[in-house]
Protein backbone atom coordinates (compact mmCIF):
# COMPACT_ATOMS: atom_id res chain seq x y z
CA MET A 1 -90.26 -43.34 -4.92
CA VAL A 2 -87.96 -44.50 -2.10
CA TYR A 3 -90.70 -46.85 -0.92
CA VAL A 4 -90.90 -48.51 -4.35
CA PHE A 5 -87.15 -49.07 -4.27
CA ALA A 6 -87.36 -50.34 -0.68
CA PHE A 7 -89.95 -52.84 -1.91
CA LEU A 8 -87.63 -53.89 -4.76
CA ILE A 9 -84.60 -54.35 -2.51
CA GLY A 10 -86.89 -56.27 -0.16
CA ILE A 11 -87.70 -58.64 -3.01
CA SER A 12 -83.96 -59.04 -3.60
CA ALA A 13 -83.46 -59.86 0.09
CA GLY A 14 -86.31 -62.35 -0.08
CA LEU A 15 -84.64 -64.10 -2.99
CA ARG A 16 -81.13 -64.14 -1.44
CA THR A 17 -80.53 -63.04 2.15
CA PHE A 18 -77.05 -61.56 1.75
CA THR A 19 -77.06 -60.18 -1.79
CA ALA A 20 -79.17 -57.11 -1.03
CA PRO A 21 -77.08 -56.02 1.98
CA ALA A 22 -73.87 -56.64 0.04
CA VAL A 23 -75.10 -54.41 -2.79
CA ALA A 24 -76.33 -51.77 -0.32
CA SER A 25 -73.00 -51.86 1.45
CA TRP A 26 -71.06 -51.37 -1.78
CA ALA A 27 -73.44 -48.56 -2.70
CA ALA A 28 -72.71 -46.87 0.62
CA ARG A 29 -68.97 -47.42 0.21
CA LEU A 30 -69.04 -45.96 -3.31
CA GLY A 31 -71.11 -42.97 -2.20
CA TRP A 32 -74.29 -43.93 -4.03
CA LEU A 33 -76.11 -44.17 -0.69
CA LYS A 34 -75.43 -41.30 1.67
CA LEU A 35 -75.28 -42.97 5.09
CA ALA A 36 -72.57 -40.93 6.84
CA GLY A 37 -73.82 -39.71 10.21
CA THR A 38 -76.62 -42.28 10.35
CA PRO A 39 -76.80 -45.46 12.42
CA LEU A 40 -76.26 -47.37 9.16
CA ALA A 41 -72.96 -45.66 8.32
CA PHE A 42 -71.20 -48.96 9.13
CA LEU A 43 -72.48 -50.29 5.79
CA GLY A 44 -70.05 -47.96 4.04
CA SER A 45 -67.02 -48.85 6.14
CA ALA A 46 -63.94 -50.33 4.49
CA VAL A 47 -64.56 -53.92 5.64
CA THR A 48 -68.36 -54.33 5.61
CA PRO A 49 -68.81 -54.65 1.82
CA TRP A 50 -66.16 -57.37 1.69
CA VAL A 51 -67.67 -59.37 4.57
CA LEU A 52 -71.17 -59.13 3.09
CA THR A 53 -69.87 -59.99 -0.39
CA ALA A 54 -68.20 -63.12 1.01
CA ALA A 55 -71.47 -64.09 2.71
CA ALA A 56 -73.42 -63.41 -0.50
CA LEU A 57 -71.03 -65.48 -2.62
CA PHE A 58 -71.23 -68.35 -0.14
CA GLU A 59 -75.03 -68.14 -0.21
CA LEU A 60 -75.12 -68.03 -4.02
CA GLY A 61 -73.07 -71.23 -4.10
CA ALA A 62 -74.90 -72.94 -1.25
CA ASP A 63 -78.24 -72.20 -2.86
CA LYS A 64 -77.39 -74.65 -5.61
CA SER A 65 -76.75 -77.50 -3.13
CA SER A 66 -79.20 -79.95 -1.66
CA TRP A 67 -78.21 -79.37 1.99
CA ILE A 68 -79.37 -75.75 2.18
CA GLN A 69 -82.45 -75.09 4.31
CA SER A 70 -85.68 -74.02 2.61
CA ARG A 71 -86.10 -70.27 2.31
CA LYS A 72 -89.58 -70.74 3.74
CA ALA A 73 -88.27 -72.24 7.01
CA ALA A 74 -88.69 -69.85 9.94
CA PRO A 75 -85.00 -68.95 10.56
CA SER A 76 -84.29 -68.40 6.87
CA PHE A 77 -87.52 -66.48 6.31
CA ALA A 78 -86.82 -64.24 9.32
CA GLY A 79 -83.28 -63.59 8.08
CA ARG A 80 -84.62 -62.49 4.71
CA ILE A 81 -87.05 -60.09 6.35
CA ILE A 82 -84.33 -58.64 8.59
CA SER A 83 -82.06 -58.28 5.57
CA GLY A 84 -84.82 -56.47 3.68
CA VAL A 85 -85.52 -54.13 6.58
CA LEU A 86 -81.83 -53.26 6.91
CA CYS A 87 -81.64 -52.42 3.22
CA GLY A 88 -84.95 -50.55 3.21
CA LEU A 89 -83.76 -48.43 6.13
CA ALA A 90 -80.52 -47.70 4.27
CA LEU A 91 -82.51 -46.47 1.29
CA ALA A 92 -84.75 -44.39 3.55
CA SER A 93 -81.75 -42.83 5.29
CA SER A 94 -80.11 -41.96 2.00
CA GLY A 95 -83.31 -40.80 0.32
CA ARG A 96 -84.63 -38.84 3.28
CA ALA A 97 -87.79 -40.92 3.50
CA ILE A 98 -89.78 -42.03 6.52
CA PRO A 99 -87.96 -45.07 7.93
CA LEU A 100 -91.10 -46.90 9.02
CA GLY A 101 -92.59 -46.66 5.53
CA ALA A 102 -89.42 -47.99 3.93
CA ALA A 103 -89.22 -50.80 6.49
CA VAL A 104 -92.81 -51.84 5.81
CA ALA A 105 -92.22 -51.72 2.04
CA ALA A 106 -89.06 -53.79 2.44
CA ILE A 107 -90.86 -56.37 4.61
CA ALA A 108 -93.58 -56.69 1.99
CA GLY A 109 -90.92 -57.08 -0.69
CA ALA A 110 -89.05 -59.70 1.33
CA VAL A 111 -92.24 -61.73 1.78
CA VAL A 112 -93.00 -61.49 -1.95
CA GLY A 113 -89.41 -62.39 -2.81
CA THR A 114 -89.29 -65.33 -0.43
CA LEU A 115 -92.65 -66.92 -1.21
CA GLY A 116 -93.07 -65.74 -4.79
CA GLY A 117 -89.46 -66.57 -5.63
CA TYR A 118 -89.90 -70.08 -4.25
CA GLU A 119 -93.02 -70.69 -6.31
CA LEU A 120 -91.62 -69.16 -9.48
CA ARG A 121 -88.37 -71.11 -9.23
CA ALA A 122 -90.24 -74.37 -8.61
CA ARG A 123 -92.52 -73.82 -11.61
CA LEU A 124 -89.71 -72.73 -13.92
CA THR A 125 -87.61 -75.71 -12.85
CA GLN A 126 -90.50 -78.03 -13.58
CA ALA A 127 -91.04 -76.37 -16.97
CA ALA A 128 -87.31 -76.79 -17.68
CA GLY A 129 -87.62 -80.53 -17.19
CA GLY A 130 -86.20 -80.52 -13.69
CA ARG A 131 -83.03 -78.64 -14.65
CA GLY A 132 -82.89 -76.30 -11.67
CA PHE A 133 -79.34 -75.00 -12.04
CA PRO A 134 -80.03 -72.60 -14.94
CA ILE A 135 -83.17 -71.38 -13.16
CA ALA A 136 -81.16 -70.74 -9.99
CA LEU A 137 -78.64 -68.73 -12.02
CA LEU A 138 -81.48 -66.70 -13.52
CA GLU A 139 -82.80 -66.07 -10.02
CA ASP A 140 -79.32 -64.92 -8.95
CA ALA A 141 -79.18 -62.45 -11.84
CA ILE A 142 -82.63 -61.08 -11.01
CA THR A 143 -81.65 -60.74 -7.36
CA ILE A 144 -78.52 -58.77 -8.14
CA GLY A 145 -80.28 -56.67 -10.78
CA LEU A 146 -83.11 -55.68 -8.44
CA ALA A 147 -80.71 -54.68 -5.68
CA VAL A 148 -78.48 -52.63 -7.98
CA CYS A 149 -81.51 -50.94 -9.56
CA ALA A 150 -82.87 -50.04 -6.12
CA VAL A 151 -79.66 -48.52 -4.75
CA ARG A 152 -78.85 -46.63 -7.95
CA SER A 153 -82.31 -45.11 -8.13
CA VAL A 154 -82.45 -43.51 -4.67
């Protein structure tokens, strides 16, 4: 089941680069993810959740602006994949799963989240008469929900 949750947190990372790691970091800090003694123990440190939360909040706000780069652009896309892999490895470490399998599942999820999220948001915005802000908020809620579901289920 860890691989399913790695896929889900990968989708979250594909939708918003910093939300998934922020949620994973809080999960580690709160003891939901057991990362002590692993290379990813830094996620549960006192400062990491706050730094990642600040980055996630900035991204959530910037996503609503016109100056933000497309999620499908190479640097953004790569960042989403890296974010997904980090979170997938955290789930694997906590759930005692094979890291490579979780990383692959998270990469697949990040690709689905990035490309599928782009298409879904564009279509829903068009269906909403061009009102993209409520659709972006819905996407934010889905992103956070997927990440929380994934870390709570491992």
